C-alpha atoms as a PDB file:
ATOM      1  CA  UNK A   1     -73.650  60.336-125.988  1.00  0.00           C
ATOM      2  CA  UNK A   2     -73.311  63.387-124.274  1.00  0.00           C
ATOM      3  CA  UNK A   3     -71.604  63.723-120.739  1.00  0.00           C
ATOM      4  CA  UNK A   4     -74.924  64.259-119.163  1.00  0.00           C
ATOM      5  CA  UNK A   5     -76.433  60.790-120.493  1.00  0.00           C
ATOM      6  CA  UNK A   6     -72.684  59.174-119.716  1.00  0.00           C
ATOM      7  CA  UNK A   7     -73.348  60.070-116.197  1.00  0.00           C
ATOM      8  CA  UNK A   8     -76.900  59.165-115.899  1.00  0.00           C
ATOM      9  CA  UNK A   9     -76.050  55.690-117.546  1.00  0.00           C
ATOM     10  CA  UNK A  10     -73.130  55.167-114.764  1.00  0.00           C
ATOM     11  CA  UNK A  11     -75.399  56.331-112.048  1.00  0.00           C
ATOM     12  CA  UNK A  12     -78.189  53.953-112.931  1.00  0.00           C
ATOM     13  CA  UNK A  13     -75.495  51.058-112.952  1.00  0.00           C
ATOM     14  CA  UNK A  14     -74.051  52.161-109.802  1.00  0.00           C
ATOM     15  CA  UNK A  15     -77.647  51.890-108.193  1.00  0.00           C
ATOM     16  CA  UNK A  16     -78.170  48.616-109.090  1.00  0.00           C
ATOM     17  CA  UNK A  17     -74.820  47.553-107.905  1.00  0.00           C
ATOM     18  CA  UNK A  18     -73.706  46.332-111.595  1.00  0.00           C
ATOM     19  CA  UNK A  19     -70.590  48.807-110.976  1.00  0.00           C
ATOM     20  CA  UNK A  20     -68.278  49.450-107.837  1.00  0.00           C
ATOM     21  CA  UNK A  21     -64.937  50.637-107.058  1.00  0.00           C
ATOM     22  CA  UNK A  22     -63.590  47.487-107.795  1.00  0.00           C
ATOM     23  CA  UNK A  23     -65.231  46.600-111.283  1.00  0.00           C
ATOM     24  CA  UNK A  24     -65.096  50.047-112.826  1.00  0.00           C
ATOM     25  CA  UNK A  25     -63.088  49.801-116.139  1.00  0.00           C
ATOM     26  CA  UNK A  26     -61.241  52.531-118.124  1.00  0.00           C
ATOM     27  CA  UNK A  27     -64.284  53.873-119.570  1.00  0.00           C
ATOM     28  CA  UNK A  28     -65.955  54.679-116.519  1.00  0.00           C
ATOM     29  CA  UNK A  29     -63.143  56.739-115.235  1.00  0.00           C
ATOM     30  CA  UNK A  30     -62.719  58.585-118.638  1.00  0.00           C
ATOM     31  CA  UNK A  31     -66.151  59.584-118.012  1.00  0.00           C
ATOM     32  CA  UNK A  32     -65.324  60.252-114.535  1.00  0.00           C
ATOM     33  CA  UNK A  33     -62.166  62.657-115.431  1.00  0.00           C
ATOM     34  CA  UNK A  34     -64.075  63.842-118.461  1.00  0.00           C
ATOM     35  CA  UNK A  35     -66.700  64.962-115.883  1.00  0.00           C
ATOM     36  CA  UNK A  36     -64.502  66.635-113.540  1.00  0.00           C
ATOM     37  CA  UNK A  37     -62.498  68.482-116.080  1.00  0.00           C
ATOM     38  CA  UNK A  38     -66.236  70.028-117.272  1.00  0.00           C
ATOM     39  CA  UNK A  39     -66.638  71.061-113.416  1.00  0.00           C
ATOM     40  CA  UNK A  40     -62.957  72.932-113.390  1.00  0.00           C
ATOM     41  CA  UNK A  41     -63.544  74.586-116.482  1.00  0.00           C
ATOM     42  CA  UNK A  42     -67.133  75.836-115.816  1.00  0.00           C
ATOM     43  CA  UNK A  43     -68.662  74.131-118.779  1.00  0.00           C
ATOM     44  CA  UNK A  44     -71.412  72.453-116.445  1.00  0.00           C
ATOM     45  CA  UNK A  45     -72.306  73.383-113.038  1.00  0.00           C
ATOM     46  CA  UNK A  46     -73.975  71.759-109.866  1.00  0.00           C
ATOM     47  CA  UNK A  47     -77.005  74.674-110.079  1.00  0.00           C
ATOM     48  CA  UNK A  48     -78.295  76.924-112.387  1.00  0.00           C
ATOM     49  CA  UNK A  49     -80.619  80.198-112.427  1.00  0.00           C
ATOM     50  CA  UNK A  50     -83.624  79.281-114.688  1.00  0.00           C
ATOM     51  CA  UNK A  51     -86.677  81.847-114.709  1.00  0.00           C
ATOM     52  CA  UNK A  52     -85.256  83.733-111.830  1.00  0.00           C
ATOM     53  CA  UNK A  53     -85.149  80.710-109.116  1.00  0.00           C
ATOM     54  CA  UNK A  54     -81.958  78.705-108.620  1.00  0.00           C
ATOM     55  CA  UNK A  55     -82.243  74.574-109.379  1.00  0.00           C
ATOM     56  CA  UNK A  56     -79.827  71.992-108.526  1.00  0.00           C
ATOM     57  CA  UNK A  57     -78.537  70.220-111.659  1.00  0.00           C
ATOM     58  CA  UNK A  58     -79.407  66.756-110.088  1.00  0.00           C
ATOM     59  CA  UNK A  59     -77.000  64.904-113.031  1.00  0.00           C
ATOM     60  CA  UNK A  60     -74.244  66.770-111.851  1.00  0.00           C
ATOM     61  CA  UNK A  61     -74.157  66.152-108.081  1.00  0.00           C
ATOM     62  CA  UNK A  62     -74.861  62.427-108.888  1.00  0.00           C
ATOM     63  CA  UNK A  63     -71.716  62.872-110.873  1.00  0.00           C
ATOM     64  CA  UNK A  64     -69.805  63.980-108.100  1.00  0.00           C
ATOM     65  CA  UNK A  65     -71.212  61.103-106.068  1.00  0.00           C
ATOM     66  CA  UNK A  66     -69.898  58.837-108.354  1.00  0.00           C
ATOM     67  CA  UNK A  67     -66.612  60.214-108.141  1.00  0.00           C
ATOM     68  CA  UNK A  68     -66.752  59.106-104.222  1.00  0.00           C
ATOM     69  CA  UNK A  69     -68.482  55.636-104.954  1.00  0.00           C
ATOM     70  CA  UNK A  70     -66.541  54.175-107.990  1.00  0.00           C
ATOM     71  CA  UNK A  71     -62.713  55.366-106.596  1.00  0.00           C
ATOM     72  CA  UNK A  72     -60.709  53.574-103.914  1.00  0.00           C
ATOM     73  CA  UNK A  73     -58.381  55.829-101.543  1.00  0.00           C
ATOM     74  CA  UNK A  74     -55.141  56.345-102.818  1.00  0.00           C
ATOM     75  CA  UNK A  75     -52.055  58.379-101.396  1.00  0.00           C
ATOM     76  CA  UNK A  76     -51.371  61.398-102.949  1.00  0.00           C
ATOM     77  CA  UNK A  77     -48.302  63.906-102.340  1.00  0.00           C
ATOM     78  CA  UNK A  78     -48.544  67.525-102.202  1.00  0.00           C
ATOM     79  CA  UNK A  79     -45.619  69.632-101.055  1.00  0.00           C
ATOM     80  CA  UNK A  80     -43.615  66.714 -99.609  1.00  0.00           C
ATOM     81  CA  UNK A  81     -46.732  65.676 -97.561  1.00  0.00           C
ATOM     82  CA  UNK A  82     -48.621  62.206 -98.344  1.00  0.00           C
ATOM     83  CA  UNK A  83     -52.420  62.325 -97.963  1.00  0.00           C
ATOM     84  CA  UNK A  84     -55.150  60.087 -98.427  1.00  0.00           C
ATOM     85  CA  UNK A  85     -58.387  60.667-100.740  1.00  0.00           C
ATOM     86  CA  UNK A  86     -60.324  59.474-103.420  1.00  0.00           C
ATOM     87  CA  UNK A  87     -59.577  62.558-105.396  1.00  0.00           C
ATOM     88  CA  UNK A  88     -56.248  64.796-105.781  1.00  0.00           C
ATOM     89  CA  UNK A  89     -55.723  68.142-105.695  1.00  0.00           C
ATOM     90  CA  UNK A  90     -56.804  70.074-108.661  1.00  0.00           C
ATOM     91  CA  UNK A  91     -53.851  71.276-110.832  1.00  0.00           C
ATOM     92  CA  UNK A  92     -53.500  75.086-110.442  1.00  0.00           C
ATOM     93  CA  UNK A  93     -51.272  75.528-113.589  1.00  0.00           C
ATOM     94  CA  UNK A  94     -53.839  77.507-115.578  1.00  0.00           C
ATOM     95  CA  UNK A  95     -54.526  79.994-113.097  1.00  0.00           C
ATOM     96  CA  UNK A  96     -51.694  82.434-113.685  1.00  0.00           C
ATOM     97  CA  UNK A  97     -52.383  82.521-117.650  1.00  0.00           C
ATOM     98  CA  UNK A  98     -56.402  83.875-116.325  1.00  0.00           C
ATOM     99  CA  UNK A  99     -54.932  86.431-113.919  1.00  0.00           C
ATOM    100  CA  UNK A 100     -55.938  84.194-111.111  1.00  0.00           C
ATOM    101  CA  UNK A 101     -53.525  84.203-107.899  1.00  0.00           C
ATOM    102  CA  UNK A 102     -53.172  81.529-105.000  1.00  0.00           C
ATOM    103  CA  UNK A 103     -50.696  82.389-102.072  1.00  0.00           C
ATOM    104  CA  UNK A 104     -48.999  79.235-100.592  1.00  0.00           C
ATOM    105  CA  UNK A 105     -48.900  77.468 -97.231  1.00  0.00           C
ATOM    106  CA  UNK A 106     -52.510  76.406 -97.206  1.00  0.00           C
ATOM    107  CA  UNK A 107     -54.315  77.275-100.596  1.00  0.00           C
ATOM    108  CA  UNK A 108     -56.606  74.133-101.330  1.00  0.00           C
ATOM    109  CA  UNK A 109     -58.661  73.846-104.382  1.00  0.00           C
ATOM    110  CA  UNK A 110     -59.871  70.029-104.689  1.00  0.00           C
ATOM    111  CA  UNK A 111     -60.335  68.449-108.017  1.00  0.00           C
ATOM    112  CA  UNK A 112     -63.625  69.323-109.785  1.00  0.00           C
ATOM    113  CA  UNK A 113     -63.634  72.736-108.365  1.00  0.00           C
ATOM    114  CA  UNK A 114     -63.896  75.848-110.731  1.00  0.00           C
ATOM    115  CA  UNK A 115     -62.109  79.139-109.524  1.00  0.00           C
ATOM    116  CA  UNK A 116     -62.995  81.851-112.429  1.00  0.00           C
ATOM    117  CA  UNK A 117     -60.311  84.493-114.084  1.00  0.00           C
ATOM    118  CA  UNK A 118     -58.806  87.474-112.266  1.00  0.00           C
ATOM    119  CA  UNK A 119     -59.733  85.716-108.852  1.00  0.00           C
ATOM    120  CA  UNK A 120     -57.712  86.008-105.548  1.00  0.00           C
ATOM    121  CA  UNK A 121     -57.098  83.256-103.273  1.00  0.00           C
ATOM    122  CA  UNK A 122     -55.541  83.762 -99.764  1.00  0.00           C
ATOM    123  CA  UNK A 123     -54.200  81.165 -97.525  1.00  0.00           C
ATOM    124  CA  UNK A 124     -55.435  79.303 -95.660  1.00  0.00           C
ATOM    125  CA  UNK A 125     -58.526  78.544 -97.922  1.00  0.00           C
ATOM    126  CA  UNK A 126     -60.193  75.656 -99.175  1.00  0.00           C
ATOM    127  CA  UNK A 127     -62.766  75.213-102.174  1.00  0.00           C
ATOM    128  CA  UNK A 128     -64.348  71.784-102.407  1.00  0.00           C
ATOM    129  CA  UNK A 129     -65.286  69.500-105.390  1.00  0.00           C
ATOM    130  CA  UNK A 130     -68.325  70.775-107.086  1.00  0.00           C
ATOM    131  CA  UNK A 131     -67.952  74.721-106.167  1.00  0.00           C
ATOM    132  CA  UNK A 132     -67.856  77.469-108.294  1.00  0.00           C
ATOM    133  CA  UNK A 133     -65.657  80.757-108.040  1.00  0.00           C
ATOM    134  CA  UNK A 134     -66.584  83.225-110.431  1.00  0.00           C
ATOM    135  CA  UNK A 135     -64.216  85.669-112.102  1.00  0.00           C
ATOM    136  CA  UNK A 136     -62.928  88.541-110.026  1.00  0.00           C
ATOM    137  CA  UNK A 137     -63.864  87.081-106.520  1.00  0.00           C
ATOM    138  CA  UNK A 138     -61.738  87.358-103.475  1.00  0.00           C
ATOM    139  CA  UNK A 139     -61.502  84.080-101.279  1.00  0.00           C
ATOM    140  CA  UNK A 140     -59.874  85.357 -97.913  1.00  0.00           C
ATOM    141  CA  UNK A 141     -57.776  83.747 -95.664  1.00  0.00           C
ATOM    142  CA  UNK A 142     -59.287  80.859 -93.303  1.00  0.00           C
ATOM    143  CA  UNK A 143     -62.202  80.711 -95.624  1.00  0.00           C
ATOM    144  CA  UNK A 144     -63.971  77.530 -96.593  1.00  0.00           C
ATOM    145  CA  UNK A 145     -66.526  76.941-100.145  1.00  0.00           C
ATOM    146  CA  UNK A 146     -68.106  73.961 -99.496  1.00  0.00           C
ATOM    147  CA  UNK A 147     -69.040  71.222-102.040  1.00  0.00           C
ATOM    148  CA  UNK A 148     -71.449  72.539-104.802  1.00  0.00           C
ATOM    149  CA  UNK A 149     -71.431  76.164-103.573  1.00  0.00           C
ATOM    150  CA  UNK A 150     -71.832  78.631-106.311  1.00  0.00           C
ATOM    151  CA  UNK A 151     -69.944  81.943-105.655  1.00  0.00           C
ATOM    152  CA  UNK A 152     -70.851  84.557-108.358  1.00  0.00           C
ATOM    153  CA  UNK A 153     -68.552  87.191-110.132  1.00  0.00           C
ATOM    154  CA  UNK A 154     -66.877  90.066-108.302  1.00  0.00           C
ATOM    155  CA  UNK A 155     -67.757  88.726-104.976  1.00  0.00           C
ATOM    156  CA  UNK A 156     -65.789  89.439-101.643  1.00  0.00           C
ATOM    157  CA  UNK A 157     -65.617  86.757 -98.754  1.00  0.00           C
ATOM    158  CA  UNK A 158     -64.358  88.085 -95.760  1.00  0.00           C
ATOM    159  CA  UNK A 159     -61.516  86.037 -93.834  1.00  0.00           C
ATOM    160  CA  UNK A 160     -62.931  83.418 -91.838  1.00  0.00           C
ATOM    161  CA  UNK A 161     -66.357  82.839 -93.585  1.00  0.00           C
ATOM    162  CA  UNK A 162     -67.848  79.504 -94.183  1.00  0.00           C
ATOM    163  CA  UNK A 163     -69.796  78.866 -97.247  1.00  0.00           C
ATOM    164  CA  UNK A 164     -71.674  75.444 -96.727  1.00  0.00           C
ATOM    165  CA  UNK A 165     -71.483  72.610 -98.724  1.00  0.00           C
ATOM    166  CA  UNK A 166     -75.141  70.661 -99.957  1.00  0.00           C
ATOM    167  CA  UNK A 167     -74.385  67.580-101.887  1.00  0.00           C
ATOM    168  CA  UNK A 168     -77.111  65.458-100.763  1.00  0.00           C
ATOM    169  CA  UNK A 169     -79.704  64.981-101.461  1.00  0.00           C
ATOM    170  CA  UNK A 170     -79.046  65.904-104.928  1.00  0.00           C
ATOM    171  CA  UNK A 171     -82.395  67.291-105.588  1.00  0.00           C
ATOM    172  CA  UNK A 172     -81.340  70.123-103.394  1.00  0.00           C
ATOM    173  CA  UNK A 173     -80.094  73.378-104.548  1.00  0.00           C
ATOM    174  CA  UNK A 174     -76.274  74.258-103.045  1.00  0.00           C
ATOM    175  CA  UNK A 175     -75.733  77.593-101.252  1.00  0.00           C
ATOM    176  CA  UNK A 176     -75.652  80.684-103.491  1.00  0.00           C
ATOM    177  CA  UNK A 177     -74.012  83.464-103.109  1.00  0.00           C
ATOM    178  CA  UNK A 178     -74.851  86.061-106.561  1.00  0.00           C
ATOM    179  CA  UNK A 179     -72.989  88.601-108.283  1.00  0.00           C
ATOM    180  CA  UNK A 180     -71.385  91.393-106.384  1.00  0.00           C
ATOM    181  CA  UNK A 181     -71.683  90.317-102.973  1.00  0.00           C
ATOM    182  CA  UNK A 182     -69.610  91.171-100.030  1.00  0.00           C
ATOM    183  CA  UNK A 183     -70.010  89.206 -96.873  1.00  0.00           C
ATOM    184  CA  UNK A 184     -67.868  90.534 -93.951  1.00  0.00           C
ATOM    185  CA  UNK A 185     -65.579  88.568 -91.976  1.00  0.00           C
ATOM    186  CA  UNK A 186     -66.708  85.712 -90.043  1.00  0.00           C
ATOM    187  CA  UNK A 187     -69.852  85.098 -91.701  1.00  0.00           C
ATOM    188  CA  UNK A 188     -71.730  81.773 -91.996  1.00  0.00           C
ATOM    189  CA  UNK A 189     -73.707  80.671 -95.270  1.00  0.00           C
ATOM    190  CA  UNK A 190     -75.371  77.185 -94.873  1.00  0.00           C
ATOM    191  CA  UNK A 191     -78.099  74.956 -95.968  1.00  0.00           C
ATOM    192  CA  UNK A 192     -79.183  76.064 -99.683  1.00  0.00           C
ATOM    193  CA  UNK A 193     -79.603  79.624 -98.489  1.00  0.00           C
ATOM    194  CA  UNK A 194     -79.462  82.481-101.799  1.00  0.00           C
ATOM    195  CA  UNK A 195     -77.600  85.833-101.018  1.00  0.00           C
ATOM    196  CA  UNK A 196     -79.085  88.103-103.538  1.00  0.00           C
ATOM    197  CA  UNK A 197     -76.883  90.316-106.032  1.00  0.00           C
ATOM    198  CA  UNK A 198     -74.665  93.553-104.858  1.00  0.00           C
ATOM    199  CA  UNK A 199     -75.833  92.875-101.037  1.00  0.00           C
ATOM    200  CA  UNK A 200     -73.634  93.785 -98.129  1.00  0.00           C
ATOM    201  CA  UNK A 201     -73.438  91.384 -95.230  1.00  0.00           C
ATOM    202  CA  UNK A 202     -72.052  92.455 -92.071  1.00  0.00           C
ATOM    203  CA  UNK A 203     -69.578  90.612 -89.880  1.00  0.00           C
ATOM    204  CA  UNK A 204     -70.244  87.594 -88.095  1.00  0.00           C
ATOM    205  CA  UNK A 205     -73.771  87.286 -89.931  1.00  0.00           C
ATOM    206  CA  UNK A 206     -75.505  83.593 -90.042  1.00  0.00           C
ATOM    207  CA  UNK A 207     -77.478  82.717 -93.011  1.00  0.00           C
ATOM    208  CA  UNK A 208     -79.512  79.603 -92.889  1.00  0.00           C
ATOM    209  CA  UNK A 209     -83.046  79.011 -93.766  1.00  0.00           C
ATOM    210  CA  UNK A 210     -83.758  78.429 -90.205  1.00  0.00           C
ATOM    211  CA  UNK A 211     -82.859  81.829 -89.319  1.00  0.00           C
ATOM    212  CA  UNK A 212     -85.782  84.575 -90.205  1.00  0.00           C
ATOM    213  CA  UNK A 213     -84.764  87.427 -92.541  1.00  0.00           C
ATOM    214  CA  UNK A 214     -86.495  90.590 -91.591  1.00  0.00           C
ATOM    215  CA  UNK A 215     -86.767  92.769 -94.995  1.00  0.00           C
ATOM    216  CA  UNK A 216     -87.424  96.419 -93.977  1.00  0.00           C
ATOM    217  CA  UNK A 217     -87.339  96.979 -97.752  1.00  0.00           C
ATOM    218  CA  UNK A 218     -90.482  95.020 -98.674  1.00  0.00           C
ATOM    219  CA  UNK A 219     -91.904  94.542 -94.925  1.00  0.00           C
ATOM    220  CA  UNK A 220     -91.917  90.888 -95.043  1.00  0.00           C
ATOM    221  CA  UNK A 221     -90.633  88.034 -93.293  1.00  0.00           C
ATOM    222  CA  UNK A 222     -88.516  85.750 -95.497  1.00  0.00           C
ATOM    223  CA  UNK A 223     -86.536  82.251 -95.143  1.00  0.00           C
ATOM    224  CA  UNK A 224     -83.821  81.121 -97.053  1.00  0.00           C
ATOM    225  CA  UNK A 225     -82.994  84.216 -98.874  1.00  0.00           C
ATOM    226  CA  UNK A 226     -81.665  87.649 -98.722  1.00  0.00           C
ATOM    227  CA  UNK A 227     -82.944  89.709-101.783  1.00  0.00           C
ATOM    228  CA  UNK A 228     -80.806  91.691-104.100  1.00  0.00           C
ATOM    229  CA  UNK A 229     -79.079  94.896-103.006  1.00  0.00           C
ATOM    230  CA  UNK A 230     -79.614  94.868 -98.990  1.00  0.00           C
ATOM    231  CA  UNK A 231     -77.501  95.895 -96.266  1.00  0.00           C
ATOM    232  CA  UNK A 232     -77.978  92.751 -93.757  1.00  0.00           C
ATOM    233  CA  UNK A 233     -76.850  92.281 -89.933  1.00  0.00           C
ATOM    234  CA  UNK A 234     -77.341  90.162 -87.383  1.00  0.00           C
ATOM    235  CA  UNK A 235     -79.800  91.113 -84.284  1.00  0.00           C
ATOM    236  CA  UNK A 236     -81.243  88.829 -81.475  1.00  0.00           C
ATOM    237  CA  UNK A 237     -85.090  89.100 -80.937  1.00  0.00           C
ATOM    238  CA  UNK A 238     -87.113  87.693 -78.053  1.00  0.00           C
ATOM    239  CA  UNK A 239     -87.490  84.027 -77.939  1.00  0.00           C
ATOM    240  CA  UNK A 240     -90.588  81.922 -77.238  1.00  0.00           C
ATOM    241  CA  UNK A 241     -88.930  80.289 -74.326  1.00  0.00           C
ATOM    242  CA  UNK A 242     -89.032  83.483 -72.659  1.00  0.00           C
ATOM    243  CA  UNK A 243     -88.671  83.808 -68.854  1.00  0.00           C
ATOM    244  CA  UNK A 244     -87.276  80.911 -67.405  1.00  0.00           C
ATOM    245  CA  UNK A 245     -86.387  79.425 -63.464  1.00  0.00           C
ATOM    246  CA  UNK A 246     -82.667  78.570 -64.649  1.00  0.00           C
ATOM    247  CA  UNK A 247     -82.193  82.221 -66.002  1.00  0.00           C
ATOM    248  CA  UNK A 248     -82.954  85.635 -65.886  1.00  0.00           C
ATOM    249  CA  UNK A 249     -83.758  88.444 -68.310  1.00  0.00           C
ATOM    250  CA  UNK A 250     -85.646  86.133 -70.771  1.00  0.00           C
ATOM    251  CA  UNK A 251     -84.222  84.510 -73.810  1.00  0.00           C
ATOM    252  CA  UNK A 252     -83.224  85.662 -77.213  1.00  0.00           C
ATOM    253  CA  UNK A 253     -82.898  83.812 -80.681  1.00  0.00           C
ATOM    254  CA  UNK A 254     -80.946  85.231 -83.582  1.00  0.00           C
ATOM    255  CA  UNK A 255     -82.279  86.961 -86.768  1.00  0.00           C
ATOM    256  CA  UNK A 256     -81.229  88.961 -89.580  1.00  0.00           C
ATOM    257  CA  UNK A 257     -82.476  92.568 -90.523  1.00  0.00           C
ATOM    258  CA  UNK A 258     -82.158  93.635 -94.185  1.00  0.00           C
ATOM    259  CA  UNK A 259     -82.701  97.343 -95.583  1.00  0.00           C
ATOM    260  CA  UNK A 260     -81.235  99.112 -98.329  1.00  0.00           C
ATOM    261  CA  UNK A 261     -77.680  99.294 -99.261  1.00  0.00           C
ATOM    262  CA  UNK A 262     -76.636 102.832 -98.800  1.00  0.00           C
ATOM    263  CA  UNK A 263     -73.980 104.547-100.775  1.00  0.00           C
ATOM    264  CA  UNK A 264     -71.366 104.822 -98.229  1.00  0.00           C
ATOM    265  CA  UNK A 265     -71.996 100.916 -97.500  1.00  0.00           C
ATOM    266  CA  UNK A 266     -71.112 100.651-101.489  1.00  0.00           C
ATOM    267  CA  UNK A 267     -67.986 102.521-101.097  1.00  0.00           C
ATOM    268  CA  UNK A 268     -66.887 101.002 -98.209  1.00  0.00           C
ATOM    269  CA  UNK A 269     -66.874  97.582 -99.717  1.00  0.00           C
ATOM    270  CA  UNK A 270     -65.232  98.608-102.763  1.00  0.00           C
ATOM    271  CA  UNK A 271     -62.052  96.963-103.535  1.00  0.00           C
ATOM    272  CA  UNK A 272     -59.067  98.680-104.663  1.00  0.00           C
ATOM    273  CA  UNK A 273     -58.170  98.544-108.041  1.00  0.00           C
ATOM    274  CA  UNK A 274     -54.394  97.970-107.623  1.00  0.00           C
ATOM    275  CA  UNK A 275     -55.490  94.392-106.264  1.00  0.00           C
ATOM    276  CA  UNK A 276     -56.331  93.516-109.472  1.00  0.00           C
ATOM    277  CA  UNK A 277     -53.091  94.752-111.362  1.00  0.00           C
END
């Protein structure tokens, strides 16, 4: 049986109450551990791009849910401090052999998360189960990469950036940040939003399907995606609430404006080669 078929069979048993955390046997846990290993190696991913569109791998998200549903809370120790969870933290001994570094005092990678080669993780930062962080990517201080989020190669996540997690429903694609993207400090990307490759996003920009993206390149309004090679920044537009007796000056709501990426913008976001040596 393939790993996918083993997870699917185990999921069916779990859904019919044929197995739970008390009755799961060694074979079940061997399957779950092999699944987490495959996530960490990048062999399987929670979402993949097919025919130009990102799609969730439903069986992978079910495998993650099984690791919560079929495991009891345990006490683990990290850095001399006990913590309580169903999953331990990821073993990071493989990182230096692949040119990846993480700084101490708060760099947390959960079991089942993939971190690529030649990547940098600054503390404090957190990468959750099912997330995929690509090669050469920088996860800066105070960043969170949520469950199942897919971060491409050579991405820069500015300090205090939040990449939301989308674990359920299993059919929903998670947040996607494609190759070469630069997110400024304080950005928020949530609810399955797709950031197109080589885009540059200004500081404190909120990208979510509920906020319109005014694409000035193609002159259209988009929801849930930022096209490739755009420079995007937050702006406030007039709200339908308008004037109200409780406040003066009208009401405004956030929107995102997207334009062409200018050459000087790209130069400003390039990382020094010395960071990779």
